Amino acid sequence: MIKLTILLVLVLSPLKSFGKDLICPEPVNGPWDKMKESDFTKESALSQLSELKKVYEMDLEVAPEFIQQSNLIFEGAHLRQEVLNSINEPKYNTHAKKAFCEFMKNRAYLVH
């Protein structure tokens, strides 16, 4: 468990707080379970990490969806940060935006 926590902290530590600027177009009248870009912030990733840590420390039983949702938030936060970190590298930034927007379009839904 300690190794998992350390690994996740190392992965998330470079994440910055994100502004309110959207990277990807938002669907008009999207489905109720569609997540927003603002769900993939450093704060939301660290909050999810804290909740995940409690599960293992307290040996709690959780639904598999909780673990899947945690992974989704970590992945989305990482992809969004890749976009922000590559602003000065146009070629990579284009690739990073494409990957993040594809994630937002196809996978950024609440797990249920």
PDB file of N, CA and C in Angstrom:
ATOM      1  N   MET A   1       0.818  -1.192   0.000  1.00  0.00           N
ATOM      2  CA  MET A   1       0.000   0.000   0.000  1.00  0.00           C
ATOM      3  C   MET A   1       0.861   1.254   0.000  1.00  0.00           C
ATOM      4  N   ILE A   2       1.931   1.238   0.770  1.00  0.00           N
ATOM      5  CA  ILE A   2       2.799   2.409   0.837  1.00  0.00           C
ATOM      6  C   ILE A   2       3.411   2.687  -0.529  1.00  0.00           C
ATOM      7  N   LYS A   3       3.811   1.630  -1.233  1.00  0.00           N
ATOM      8  CA  LYS A   3       4.394   1.810  -2.559  1.00  0.00           C
ATOM      9  C   LYS A   3       3.379   2.435  -3.514  1.00  0.00           C
ATOM     10  N   LEU A   4       2.119   1.981  -3.432  1.00  0.00           N
ATOM     11  CA  LEU A   4       1.074   2.547  -4.289  1.00  0.00           C
ATOM     12  C   LEU A   4       0.880   4.025  -3.994  1.00  0.00           C
ATOM     13  N   THR A   5       0.831   4.380  -2.725  1.00  0.00           N
ATOM     14  CA  THR A   5       0.652   5.778  -2.329  1.00  0.00           C
ATOM     15  C   THR A   5       1.807   6.629  -2.813  1.00  0.00           C
ATOM     16  N   ILE A   6       3.022   6.158  -2.615  1.00  0.00           N
ATOM     17  CA  ILE A   6       4.205   6.913  -3.045  1.00  0.00           C
ATOM     18  C   ILE A   6       4.191   7.088  -4.563  1.00  0.00           C
ATOM     19  N   LEU A   7       3.865   6.034  -5.283  1.00  0.00           N
ATOM     20  CA  LEU A   7       3.823   6.111  -6.744  1.00  0.00           C
ATOM     21  C   LEU A   7       2.794   7.130  -7.215  1.00  0.00           C
ATOM     22  N   LEU A   8       1.600   7.092  -6.638  1.00  0.00           N
ATOM     23  CA  LEU A   8       0.562   8.027  -7.049  1.00  0.00           C
ATOM     24  C   LEU A   8       0.925   9.462  -6.690  1.00  0.00           C
ATOM     25  N   VAL A   9       1.535   9.663  -5.536  1.00  0.00           N
ATOM     26  CA  VAL A   9       1.955  11.011  -5.149  1.00  0.00           C
ATOM     27  C   VAL A   9       3.016  11.525  -6.119  1.00  0.00           C
ATOM     28  N   LEU A  10       3.954  10.675  -6.498  1.00  0.00           N
ATOM     29  CA  LEU A  10       4.995  11.090  -7.437  1.00  0.00           C
ATOM     30  C   LEU A  10       4.405  11.437  -8.799  1.00  0.00           C
ATOM     31  N   VAL A  11       3.431  10.673  -9.230  1.00  0.00           N
ATOM     32  CA  VAL A  11       2.807  10.934 -10.525  1.00  0.00           C
ATOM     33  C   VAL A  11       2.003  12.225 -10.479  1.00  0.00           C
ATOM     34  N   LEU A  12       1.330  12.463  -9.363  1.00  0.00           N
ATOM     35  CA  LEU A  12       0.451  13.622  -9.268  1.00  0.00           C
ATOM     36  C   LEU A  12       1.148  14.882  -8.774  1.00  0.00           C
ATOM     37  N   SER A  13       2.309  14.756  -8.174  1.00  0.00           N
ATOM     38  CA  SER A  13       2.954  15.925  -7.574  1.00  0.00           C
ATOM     39  C   SER A  13       3.247  17.049  -8.554  1.00  0.00           C
ATOM     40  N   PRO A  14       3.587  16.768  -9.814  1.00  0.00           N
ATOM     41  CA  PRO A  14       3.829  17.901 -10.712  1.00  0.00           C
ATOM     42  C   PRO A  14       2.565  18.583 -11.210  1.00  0.00           C
ATOM     43  N   LEU A  15       1.402  18.025 -10.903  1.00  0.00           N
ATOM     44  CA  LEU A  15       0.168  18.628 -11.391  1.00  0.00           C
ATOM     45  C   LEU A  15      -0.033  20.003 -10.784  1.00  0.00           C
ATOM     46  N   LYS A  16      -0.411  20.936 -11.610  1.00  0.00           N
ATOM     47  CA  LYS A  16      -0.700  22.292 -11.156  1.00  0.00           C
ATOM     48  C   LYS A  16      -2.203  22.460 -11.077  1.00  0.00           C
ATOM     49  N   SER A  17      -2.634  23.470 -10.374  1.00  0.00           N
ATOM     50  CA  SER A  17      -4.056  23.795 -10.402  1.00  0.00           C
ATOM     51  C   SER A  17      -4.377  24.302 -11.797  1.00  0.00           C
ATOM     52  N   PHE A  18      -5.504  23.902 -12.306  1.00  0.00           N
ATOM     53  CA  PHE A  18      -5.855  24.248 -13.664  1.00  0.00           C
ATOM     54  C   PHE A  18      -6.755  25.466 -13.692  1.00  0.00           C
ATOM     55  N   GLY A  19      -6.609  26.251 -14.734  1.00  0.00           N
ATOM     56  CA  GLY A  19      -7.473  27.402 -14.911  1.00  0.00           C
ATOM     57  C   GLY A  19      -8.839  26.972 -15.395  1.00  0.00           C
ATOM     58  N   LYS A  20      -9.671  27.967 -15.677  1.00  0.00           N
ATOM     59  CA  LYS A  20     -11.027  27.675 -16.119  1.00  0.00           C
ATOM     60  C   LYS A  20     -11.127  27.587 -17.632  1.00  0.00           C
ATOM     61  N   ASP A  21     -10.021  27.777 -18.340  1.00  0.00           N
ATOM     62  CA  ASP A  21     -10.044  27.678 -19.793  1.00  0.00           C
ATOM     63  C   ASP A  21     -10.260  26.235 -20.203  1.00  0.00           C
ATOM     64  N   LEU A  22     -11.169  26.035 -21.154  1.00  0.00           N
ATOM     65  CA  LEU A  22     -11.442  24.689 -21.637  1.00  0.00           C
ATOM     66  C   LEU A  22     -10.451  24.320 -22.725  1.00  0.00           C
ATOM     67  N   ILE A  23     -10.039  23.101 -22.704  1.00  0.00           N
ATOM     68  CA  ILE A  23      -9.131  22.570 -23.722  1.00  0.00           C
ATOM     69  C   ILE A  23      -9.939  21.971 -24.859  1.00  0.00           C
ATOM     70  N   CYS A  24     -11.033  21.315 -24.512  1.00  0.00           N
ATOM     71  CA  CYS A  24     -11.862  20.615 -25.489  1.00  0.00           C
ATOM     72  C   CYS A  24     -13.258  21.234 -25.539  1.00  0.00           C
ATOM     73  N   PRO A  25     -13.895  21.142 -26.691  1.00  0.00           N
ATOM     74  CA  PRO A  25     -15.277  21.626 -26.765  1.00  0.00           C
ATOM     75  C   PRO A  25     -16.187  20.759 -25.895  1.00  0.00           C
ATOM     76  N   GLU A  26     -17.125  21.410 -25.219  1.00  0.00           N
ATOM     77  CA  GLU A  26     -18.070  20.664 -24.391  1.00  0.00           C
ATOM     78  C   GLU A  26     -19.334  20.388 -25.193  1.00  0.00           C
ATOM     79  N   PRO A  27     -19.895  19.188 -25.026  1.00  0.00           N
ATOM     80  CA  PRO A  27     -21.132  18.890 -25.756  1.00  0.00           C
ATOM     81  C   PRO A  27     -22.298  19.709 -25.206  1.00  0.00           C
ATOM     82  N   VAL A  28     -23.155  20.120 -26.094  1.00  0.00           N
ATOM     83  CA  VAL A  28     -24.360  20.834 -25.682  1.00  0.00           C
ATOM     84  C   VAL A  28     -25.380  19.783 -25.247  1.00  0.00           C
ATOM     85  N   ASN A  29     -25.987  20.000 -24.093  1.00  0.00           N
ATOM     86  CA  ASN A  29     -26.965  19.054 -23.557  1.00  0.00           C
ATOM     87  C   ASN A  29     -26.409  17.633 -23.489  1.00  0.00           C
ATOM     88  N   GLY A  30     -25.214  17.508 -22.916  1.00  0.00           N
ATOM     89  CA  GLY A  30     -24.588  16.206 -22.781  1.00  0.00           C
ATOM     90  C   GLY A  30     -25.317  15.326 -21.784  1.00  0.00           C
ATOM     91  N   PRO A  31     -24.969  14.051 -21.736  1.00  0.00           N
ATOM     92  CA  PRO A  31     -25.616  13.121 -20.812  1.00  0.00           C
ATOM     93  C   PRO A  31     -25.324  13.479 -19.355  1.00  0.00           C
ATOM     94  N   TRP A  32     -26.162  13.038 -18.456  1.00  0.00           N
ATOM     95  CA  TRP A  32     -26.041  13.385 -17.039  1.00  0.00           C
ATOM     96  C   TRP A  32     -24.752  12.862 -16.420  1.00  0.00           C
ATOM     97  N   ASP A  33     -24.216  11.784 -16.956  1.00  0.00           N
ATOM     98  CA  ASP A  33     -23.034  11.176 -16.352  1.00  0.00           C
ATOM     99  C   ASP A  33     -21.717  11.648 -16.978  1.00  0.00           C
ATOM    100  N   LYS A  34     -21.788  12.638 -17.845  1.00  0.00           N
ATOM    101  CA  LYS A  34     -20.586  13.182 -18.490  1.00  0.00           C
ATOM    102  C   LYS A  34     -19.812  14.035 -17.492  1.00  0.00           C
ATOM    103  N   MET A  35     -18.526  13.777 -17.366  1.00  0.00           N
ATOM    104  CA  MET A  35     -17.682  14.547 -16.460  1.00  0.00           C
ATOM    105  C   MET A  35     -17.167  15.795 -17.172  1.00  0.00           C
ATOM    106  N   LYS A  36     -16.812  16.804 -16.393  1.00  0.00           N
ATOM    107  CA  LYS A  36     -16.292  18.059 -16.937  1.00  0.00           C
ATOM    108  C   LYS A  36     -14.777  18.081 -16.817  1.00  0.00           C
ATOM    109  N   GLU A  37     -14.148  18.930 -17.605  1.00  0.00           N
ATOM    110  CA  GLU A  37     -12.698  19.090 -17.497  1.00  0.00           C
ATOM    111  C   GLU A  37     -12.291  19.472 -16.079  1.00  0.00           C
ATOM    112  N   SER A  38     -13.126  20.236 -15.419  1.00  0.00           N
ATOM    113  CA  SER A  38     -12.805  20.673 -14.057  1.00  0.00           C
ATOM    114  C   SER A  38     -12.800  19.524 -13.056  1.00  0.00           C
ATOM    115  N   ASP A  39     -13.288  18.353 -13.455  1.00  0.00           N
ATOM    116  CA  ASP A  39     -13.219  17.169 -12.588  1.00  0.00           C
ATOM    117  C   ASP A  39     -11.814  16.565 -12.575  1.00  0.00           C
ATOM    118  N   PHE A  40     -10.963  17.029 -13.449  1.00  0.00           N
ATOM    119  CA  PHE A  40      -9.625  16.466 -13.579  1.00  0.00           C
ATOM    120  C   PHE A  40      -8.557  17.478 -13.163  1.00  0.00           C
ATOM    121  N   THR A  41      -8.655  17.916 -11.929  1.00  0.00           N
ATOM    122  CA  THR A  41      -7.700  18.872 -11.375  1.00  0.00           C
ATOM    123  C   THR A  41      -6.760  18.165 -10.405  1.00  0.00           C
ATOM    124  N   LYS A  42      -5.719  18.865 -10.033  1.00  0.00           N
ATOM    125  CA  LYS A  42      -4.796  18.340  -9.023  1.00  0.00           C
ATOM    126  C   LYS A  42      -5.564  18.059  -7.741  1.00  0.00           C
ATOM    127  N   GLU A  43      -6.437  18.988  -7.365  1.00  0.00           N
ATOM    128  CA  GLU A  43      -7.193  18.839  -6.122  1.00  0.00           C
ATOM    129  C   GLU A  43      -8.101  17.609  -6.160  1.00  0.00           C
ATOM    130  N   SER A  44      -8.789  17.396  -7.284  1.00  0.00           N
ATOM    131  CA  SER A  44      -9.680  16.231  -7.357  1.00  0.00           C
ATOM    132  C   SER A  44      -8.885  14.930  -7.373  1.00  0.00           C
ATOM    133  N   ALA A  45      -7.734  14.938  -8.025  1.00  0.00           N
ATOM    134  CA  ALA A  45      -6.898  13.738  -8.040  1.00  0.00           C
ATOM    135  C   ALA A  45      -6.354  13.432  -6.648  1.00  0.00           C
ATOM    136  N   LEU A  46      -5.902  14.459  -5.942  1.00  0.00           N
ATOM    137  CA  LEU A  46      -5.384  14.243  -4.587  1.00  0.00           C
ATOM    138  C   LEU A  46      -6.494  13.837  -3.619  1.00  0.00           C
ATOM    139  N   SER A  47      -7.676  14.387  -3.794  1.00  0.00           N
ATOM    140  CA  SER A  47      -8.818  13.991  -2.966  1.00  0.00           C
ATOM    141  C   SER A  47      -9.171  12.527  -3.203  1.00  0.00           C
ATOM    142  N   GLN A  48      -9.164  12.127  -4.457  1.00  0.00           N
ATOM    143  CA  GLN A  48      -9.456  10.731  -4.790  1.00  0.00           C
ATOM    144  C   GLN A  48      -8.373   9.816  -4.226  1.00  0.00           C
ATOM    145  N   LEU A  49      -7.130  10.258  -4.282  1.00  0.00           N
ATOM    146  CA  LEU A  49      -6.025   9.488  -3.708  1.00  0.00           C
ATOM    147  C   LEU A  49      -6.218   9.305  -2.211  1.00  0.00           C
ATOM    148  N   SER A  50      -6.660  10.350  -1.544  1.00  0.00           N
ATOM    149  CA  SER A  50      -6.918  10.283  -0.107  1.00  0.00           C
ATOM    150  C   SER A  50      -8.005   9.260   0.209  1.00  0.00           C
ATOM    151  N   GLU A  51      -9.059   9.280  -0.583  1.00  0.00           N
ATOM    152  CA  GLU A  51     -10.147   8.313  -0.371  1.00  0.00           C
ATOM    153  C   GLU A  51      -9.682   6.889  -0.652  1.00  0.00           C
ATOM    154  N   LEU A  52      -8.895   6.729  -1.679  1.00  0.00           N
ATOM    155  CA  LEU A  52      -8.366   5.408  -2.024  1.00  0.00           C
ATOM    156  C   LEU A  52      -7.444   4.899  -0.925  1.00  0.00           C
ATOM    157  N   LYS A  53      -6.655   5.791  -0.366  1.00  0.00           N
ATOM    158  CA  LYS A  53      -5.761   5.421   0.724  1.00  0.00           C
ATOM    159  C   LYS A  53      -6.554   4.914   1.933  1.00  0.00           C
ATOM    160  N   LYS A  54      -7.664   5.574   2.242  1.00  0.00           N
ATOM    161  CA  LYS A  54      -8.519   5.140   3.359  1.00  0.00           C
ATOM    162  C   LYS A  54      -9.033   3.724   3.141  1.00  0.00           C
ATOM    163  N   VAL A  55      -9.386   3.411   1.901  1.00  0.00           N
ATOM    164  CA  VAL A  55      -9.891   2.071   1.581  1.00  0.00           C
ATOM    165  C   VAL A  55      -8.874   1.013   1.988  1.00  0.00           C
ATOM    166  N   TYR A  56      -7.612   1.263   1.671  1.00  0.00           N
ATOM    167  CA  TYR A  56      -6.575   0.276   1.963  1.00  0.00           C
ATOM    168  C   TYR A  56      -6.130   0.310   3.418  1.00  0.00           C
ATOM    169  N   GLU A  57      -6.055   1.484   3.998  1.00  0.00           N
ATOM    170  CA  GLU A  57      -5.638   1.574   5.396  1.00  0.00           C
ATOM    171  C   GLU A  57      -6.662   0.954   6.338  1.00  0.00           C
ATOM    172  N   MET A  58      -7.928   1.152   6.037  1.00  0.00           N
ATOM    173  CA  MET A  58      -8.989   0.660   6.905  1.00  0.00           C
ATOM    174  C   MET A  58      -9.526  -0.693   6.440  1.00  0.00           C
ATOM    175  N   ASP A  59      -8.940  -1.217   5.366  1.00  0.00           N
ATOM    176  CA  ASP A  59      -9.368  -2.493   4.801  1.00  0.00           C
ATOM    177  C   ASP A  59     -10.873  -2.491   4.530  1.00  0.00           C
ATOM    178  N   LEU A  60     -11.346  -1.406   3.901  1.00  0.00           N
ATOM    179  CA  LEU A  60     -12.761  -1.252   3.593  1.00  0.00           C
ATOM    180  C   LEU A  60     -13.128  -2.013   2.330  1.00  0.00           C
ATOM    181  N   GLU A  61     -14.351  -2.441   2.295  1.00  0.00           N
ATOM    182  CA  GLU A  61     -14.858  -3.088   1.091  1.00  0.00           C
ATOM    183  C   GLU A  61     -15.557  -2.024   0.248  1.00  0.00           C
ATOM    184  N   VAL A  62     -15.178  -1.917  -1.001  1.00  0.00           N
ATOM    185  CA  VAL A  62     -15.797  -0.934  -1.891  1.00  0.00           C
ATOM    186  C   VAL A  62     -16.198  -1.618  -3.193  1.00  0.00           C
ATOM    187  N   ALA A  63     -17.107  -0.984  -3.866  1.00  0.00           N
ATOM    188  CA  ALA A  63     -17.530  -1.490  -5.174  1.00  0.00           C
ATOM    189  C   ALA A  63     -16.396  -1.304  -6.172  1.00  0.00           C
ATOM    190  N   PRO A  64     -16.285  -2.205  -7.122  1.00  0.00           N
ATOM    191  CA  PRO A  64     -15.249  -2.061  -8.149  1.00  0.00           C
ATOM    192  C   PRO A  64     -15.317  -0.725  -8.884  1.00  0.00           C
ATOM    193  N   GLU A  65     -16.511  -0.156  -8.971  1.00  0.00           N
ATOM    194  CA  GLU A  65     -16.683   1.124  -9.653  1.00  0.00           C
ATOM    195  C   GLU A  65     -15.892   2.242  -8.980  1.00  0.00           C
ATOM    196  N   PHE A  66     -15.729   2.160  -7.663  1.00  0.00           N
ATOM    197  CA  PHE A  66     -14.950   3.176  -6.948  1.00  0.00           C
ATOM    198  C   PHE A  66     -13.498   3.168  -7.431  1.00  0.00           C
ATOM    199  N   ILE A  67     -12.937   1.993  -7.581  1.00  0.00           N
ATOM    200  CA  ILE A  67     -11.548   1.861  -8.056  1.00  0.00           C
ATOM    201  C   ILE A  67     -11.453   2.334  -9.505  1.00  0.00           C
ATOM    202  N   GLN A  68     -12.427   1.955 -10.317  1.00  0.00           N
ATOM    203  CA  GLN A  68     -12.422   2.374 -11.720  1.00  0.00           C
ATOM    204  C   GLN A  68     -12.543   3.894 -11.841  1.00  0.00           C
ATOM    205  N   GLN A  69     -13.392   4.499 -11.015  1.00  0.00           N
ATOM    206  CA  GLN A  69     -13.549   5.958 -11.034  1.00  0.00           C
ATOM    207  C   GLN A  69     -12.261   6.644 -10.603  1.00  0.00           C
ATOM    208  N   SER A  70     -11.591   6.090  -9.599  1.00  0.00           N
ATOM    209  CA  SER A  70     -10.309   6.650  -9.145  1.00  0.00           C
ATOM    210  C   SER A  70      -9.301   6.644 -10.281  1.00  0.00           C
ATOM    211  N   ASN A  71      -9.187   5.517 -10.952  1.00  0.00           N
ATOM    212  CA  ASN A  71      -8.249   5.413 -12.074  1.00  0.00           C
ATOM    213  C   ASN A  71      -8.592   6.407 -13.180  1.00  0.00           C
ATOM    214  N   LEU A  72      -9.870   6.591 -13.437  1.00  0.00           N
ATOM    215  CA  LEU A  72     -10.310   7.527 -14.464  1.00  0.00           C
ATOM    216  C   LEU A  72      -9.899   8.958 -14.122  1.00  0.00           C
ATOM    217  N   ILE A  73     -10.057   9.335 -12.867  1.00  0.00           N
ATOM    218  CA  ILE A  73      -9.673  10.690 -12.440  1.00  0.00           C
ATOM    219  C   ILE A  73      -8.165  10.880 -12.538  1.00  0.00           C
ATOM    220  N   PHE A  74      -7.399   9.880 -12.119  1.00  0.00           N
ATOM    221  CA  PHE A  74      -5.941   9.993 -12.224  1.00  0.00           C
ATOM    222  C   PHE A  74      -5.507  10.114 -13.685  1.00  0.00           C
ATOM    223  N   GLU A  75      -6.090   9.297 -14.548  1.00  0.00           N
ATOM    224  CA  GLU A  75      -5.727   9.333 -15.963  1.00  0.00           C
ATOM    225  C   GLU A  75      -6.086  10.674 -16.593  1.00  0.00           C
ATOM    226  N   GLY A  76      -7.296  11.152 -16.328  1.00  0.00           N
ATOM    227  CA  GLY A  76      -7.731  12.428 -16.900  1.00  0.00           C
ATOM    228  C   GLY A  76      -6.883  13.591 -16.418  1.00  0.00           C
ATOM    229  N   ALA A  77      -6.555  13.600 -15.124  1.00  0.00           N
ATOM    230  CA  ALA A  77      -5.711  14.671 -14.581  1.00  0.00           C
ATOM    231  C   ALA A  77      -4.326  14.643 -15.222  1.00  0.00           C
ATOM    232  N   HIS A  78      -3.804  13.446 -15.438  1.00  0.00           N
ATOM    233  CA  HIS A  78      -2.491  13.322 -16.074  1.00  0.00           C
ATOM    234  C   HIS A  78      -2.538  13.820 -17.524  1.00  0.00           C
ATOM    235  N   LEU A  79      -3.540  13.398 -18.273  1.00  0.00           N
ATOM    236  CA  LEU A  79      -3.650  13.826 -19.674  1.00  0.00           C
ATOM    237  C   LEU A  79      -3.838  15.331 -19.784  1.00  0.00           C
ATOM    238  N   ARG A  80      -4.630  15.899 -18.900  1.00  0.00           N
ATOM    239  CA  ARG A  80      -4.832  17.353 -18.922  1.00  0.00           C
ATOM    240  C   ARG A  80      -3.534  18.082 -18.613  1.00  0.00           C
ATOM    241  N   GLN A  81      -2.783  17.561 -17.661  1.00  0.00           N
ATOM    242  CA  GLN A  81      -1.512  18.190 -17.311  1.00  0.00           C
ATOM    243  C   GLN A  81      -0.512  18.115 -18.458  1.00  0.00           C
ATOM    244  N   GLU A  82      -0.570  17.029 -19.216  1.00  0.00           N
ATOM    245  CA  GLU A  82       0.298  16.904 -20.395  1.00  0.00           C
ATOM    246  C   GLU A  82       0.038  18.046 -21.375  1.00  0.00           C
ATOM    247  N   VAL A  83      -1.219  18.413 -21.538  1.00  0.00           N
ATOM    248  CA  VAL A  83      -1.567  19.533 -22.426  1.00  0.00           C
ATOM    249  C   VAL A  83      -0.958  20.822 -21.889  1.00  0.00           C
ATOM    250  N   LEU A  84      -1.158  21.069 -20.616  1.00  0.00           N
ATOM    251  CA  LEU A  84      -0.669  22.318 -20.026  1.00  0.00           C
ATOM    252  C   LEU A  84       0.854  22.394 -20.014  1.00  0.00           C
ATOM    253  N   ASN A  85       1.516  21.273 -19.815  1.00  0.00           N
ATOM    254  CA  ASN A  85       2.979  21.266 -19.778  1.00  0.00           C
ATOM    255  C   ASN A  85       3.615  21.407 -21.154  1.00  0.00           C
ATOM    256  N   SER A  86       2.856  21.170 -22.199  1.00  0.00           N
ATOM    257  CA  SER A  86       3.442  21.178 -23.543  1.00  0.00           C
ATOM    258  C   SER A  86       3.078  22.428 -24.341  1.00  0.00           C
ATOM    259  N   ILE A  87       2.639  23.449 -23.679  1.00  0.00           N
ATOM    260  CA  ILE A  87       2.217  24.676 -24.369  1.00  0.00           C
ATOM    261  C   ILE A  87       3.334  25.246 -25.254  1.00  0.00           C
ATOM    262  N   ASN A  88       4.562  25.146 -24.811  1.00  0.00           N
ATOM    263  CA  ASN A  88       5.687  25.700 -25.569  1.00  0.00           C
ATOM    264  C   ASN A  88       6.254  24.733 -26.612  1.00  0.00           C
ATOM    265  N   GLU A  89       5.633  23.579 -26.760  1.00  0.00           N
ATOM    266  CA  GLU A  89       6.053  22.588 -27.749  1.00  0.00           C
ATOM    267  C   GLU A  89       4.859  22.274 -28.649  1.00  0.00           C
ATOM    268  N   PRO A  90       4.638  23.084 -29.685  1.00  0.00           N
ATOM    269  CA  PRO A  90       3.418  22.979 -30.494  1.00  0.00           C
ATOM    270  C   PRO A  90       3.117  21.582 -31.033  1.00  0.00           C
ATOM    271  N   LYS A  91       4.130  20.880 -31.505  1.00  0.00           N
ATOM    272  CA  LYS A  91       3.891  19.550 -32.071  1.00  0.00           C
ATOM    273  C   LYS A  91       3.374  18.594 -30.999  1.00  0.00           C
ATOM    274  N   TYR A  92       4.029  18.579 -29.850  1.00  0.00           N
ATOM    275  CA  TYR A  92       3.596  17.690 -28.772  1.00  0.00           C
ATOM    276  C   TYR A  92       2.274  18.168 -28.180  1.00  0.00           C
ATOM    277  N   ASN A  93       2.082  19.489 -28.110  1.00  0.00           N
ATOM    278  CA  ASN A  93       0.853  20.034 -27.555  1.00  0.00           C
ATOM    279  C   ASN A  93      -0.356  19.594 -28.378  1.00  0.00           C
ATOM    280  N   THR A  94      -0.204  19.588 -29.686  1.00  0.00           N
ATOM    281  CA  THR A  94      -1.289  19.131 -30.559  1.00  0.00           C
ATOM    282  C   THR A  94      -1.629  17.675 -30.258  1.00  0.00           C
ATOM    283  N   HIS A  95      -0.609  16.854 -30.107  1.00  0.00           N
ATOM    284  CA  HIS A  95      -0.813  15.435 -29.772  1.00  0.00           C
ATOM    285  C   HIS A  95      -1.468  15.295 -28.396  1.00  0.00           C
ATOM    286  N   ALA A  96      -0.997  16.063 -27.425  1.00  0.00           N
ATOM    287  CA  ALA A  96      -1.532  15.988 -26.063  1.00  0.00           C
ATOM    288  C   ALA A  96      -2.995  16.432 -26.029  1.00  0.00           C
ATOM    289  N   LYS A  97      -3.321  17.502 -26.741  1.00  0.00           N
ATOM    290  CA  LYS A  97      -4.714  17.967 -26.806  1.00  0.00           C
ATOM    291  C   LYS A  97      -5.611  16.906 -27.430  1.00  0.00           C
ATOM    292  N   LYS A  98      -5.120  16.303 -28.501  1.00  0.00           N
ATOM    293  CA  LYS A  98      -5.907  15.264 -29.175  1.00  0.00           C
ATOM    294  C   LYS A  98      -6.176  14.108 -28.213  1.00  0.00           C
ATOM    295  N   ALA A  99      -5.159  13.687 -27.484  1.00  0.00           N
ATOM    296  CA  ALA A  99      -5.322  12.571 -26.540  1.00  0.00           C
ATOM    297  C   ALA A  99      -6.296  12.930 -25.422  1.00  0.00           C
ATOM    298  N   PHE A 100      -6.176  14.150 -24.894  1.00  0.00           N
ATOM    299  CA  PHE A 100      -7.063  14.560 -23.811  1.00  0.00           C
ATOM    300  C   PHE A 100      -8.500  14.711 -24.304  1.00  0.00           C
ATOM    301  N   CYS A 101      -8.680  15.336 -25.452  1.00  0.00           N
ATOM    302  CA  CYS A 101     -10.036  15.535 -25.966  1.00  0.00           C
ATOM    303  C   CYS A 101     -10.694  14.201 -26.351  1.00  0.00           C
ATOM    304  N   GLU A 102      -9.907  13.274 -26.842  1.00  0.00           N
ATOM    305  CA  GLU A 102     -10.438  11.940 -27.130  1.00  0.00           C
ATOM    306  C   GLU A 102     -10.868  11.256 -25.824  1.00  0.00           C
ATOM    307  N   PHE A 103     -10.050  11.405 -24.795  1.00  0.00           N
ATOM    308  CA  PHE A 103     -10.400  10.883 -23.473  1.00  0.00           C
ATOM    309  C   PHE A 103     -11.702  11.516 -22.989  1.00  0.00           C
ATOM    310  N   MET A 104     -11.806  12.837 -23.101  1.00  0.00           N
ATOM    311  CA  MET A 104     -13.008  13.536 -22.644  1.00  0.00           C
ATOM    312  C   MET A 104     -14.239  13.077 -23.426  1.00  0.00           C
ATOM    313  N   LYS A 105     -14.090  12.886 -24.690  1.00  0.00           N
ATOM    314  CA  LYS A 105     -15.222  12.492 -25.532  1.00  0.00           C
ATOM    315  C   LYS A 105     -15.667  11.053 -25.276  1.00  0.00           C
ATOM    316  N   ASN A 106     -14.713  10.155 -25.140  1.00  0.00           N
ATOM    317  CA  ASN A 106     -15.044   8.727 -25.102  1.00  0.00           C
ATOM    318  C   ASN A 106     -15.033   8.077 -23.715  1.00  0.00           C
ATOM    319  N   ARG A 107     -14.305   8.651 -22.760  1.00  0.00           N
ATOM    320  CA  ARG A 107     -14.136   7.935 -21.491  1.00  0.00           C
ATOM    321  C   ARG A 107     -14.481   8.732 -20.242  1.00  0.00           C
ATOM    322  N   ALA A 108     -14.667  10.028 -20.347  1.00  0.00           N
ATOM    323  CA  ALA A 108     -14.879  10.863 -19.165  1.00  0.00           C
ATOM    324  C   ALA A 108     -16.343  10.835 -18.705  1.00  0.00           C
ATOM    325  N   TYR A 109     -16.742   9.676 -18.236  1.00  0.00           N
ATOM    326  CA  TYR A 109     -18.092   9.474 -17.722  1.00  0.00           C
ATOM    327  C   TYR A 109     -18.004   8.885 -16.321  1.00  0.00           C
ATOM    328  N   LEU A 110     -18.972   9.230 -15.503  1.00  0.00           N
ATOM    329  CA  LEU A 110     -19.037   8.618 -14.181  1.00  0.00           C
ATOM    330  C   LEU A 110     -19.169   7.106 -14.351  1.00  0.00           C
ATOM    331  N   VAL A 111     -18.463   6.384 -13.522  1.00  0.00           N
ATOM    332  CA  VAL A 111     -18.532   4.921 -13.585  1.00  0.00           C
ATOM    333  C   VAL A 111     -19.752   4.491 -12.785  1.00  0.00           C
ATOM    334  N   HIS A 112     -20.587   3.682 -13.413  1.00  0.00           N
ATOM    335  CA  HIS A 112     -21.784   3.171 -12.723  1.00  0.00           C
ATOM    336  C   HIS A 112     -22.178   1.831 -13.275  1.00  0.00           C
TER     337      HIS A 112
END
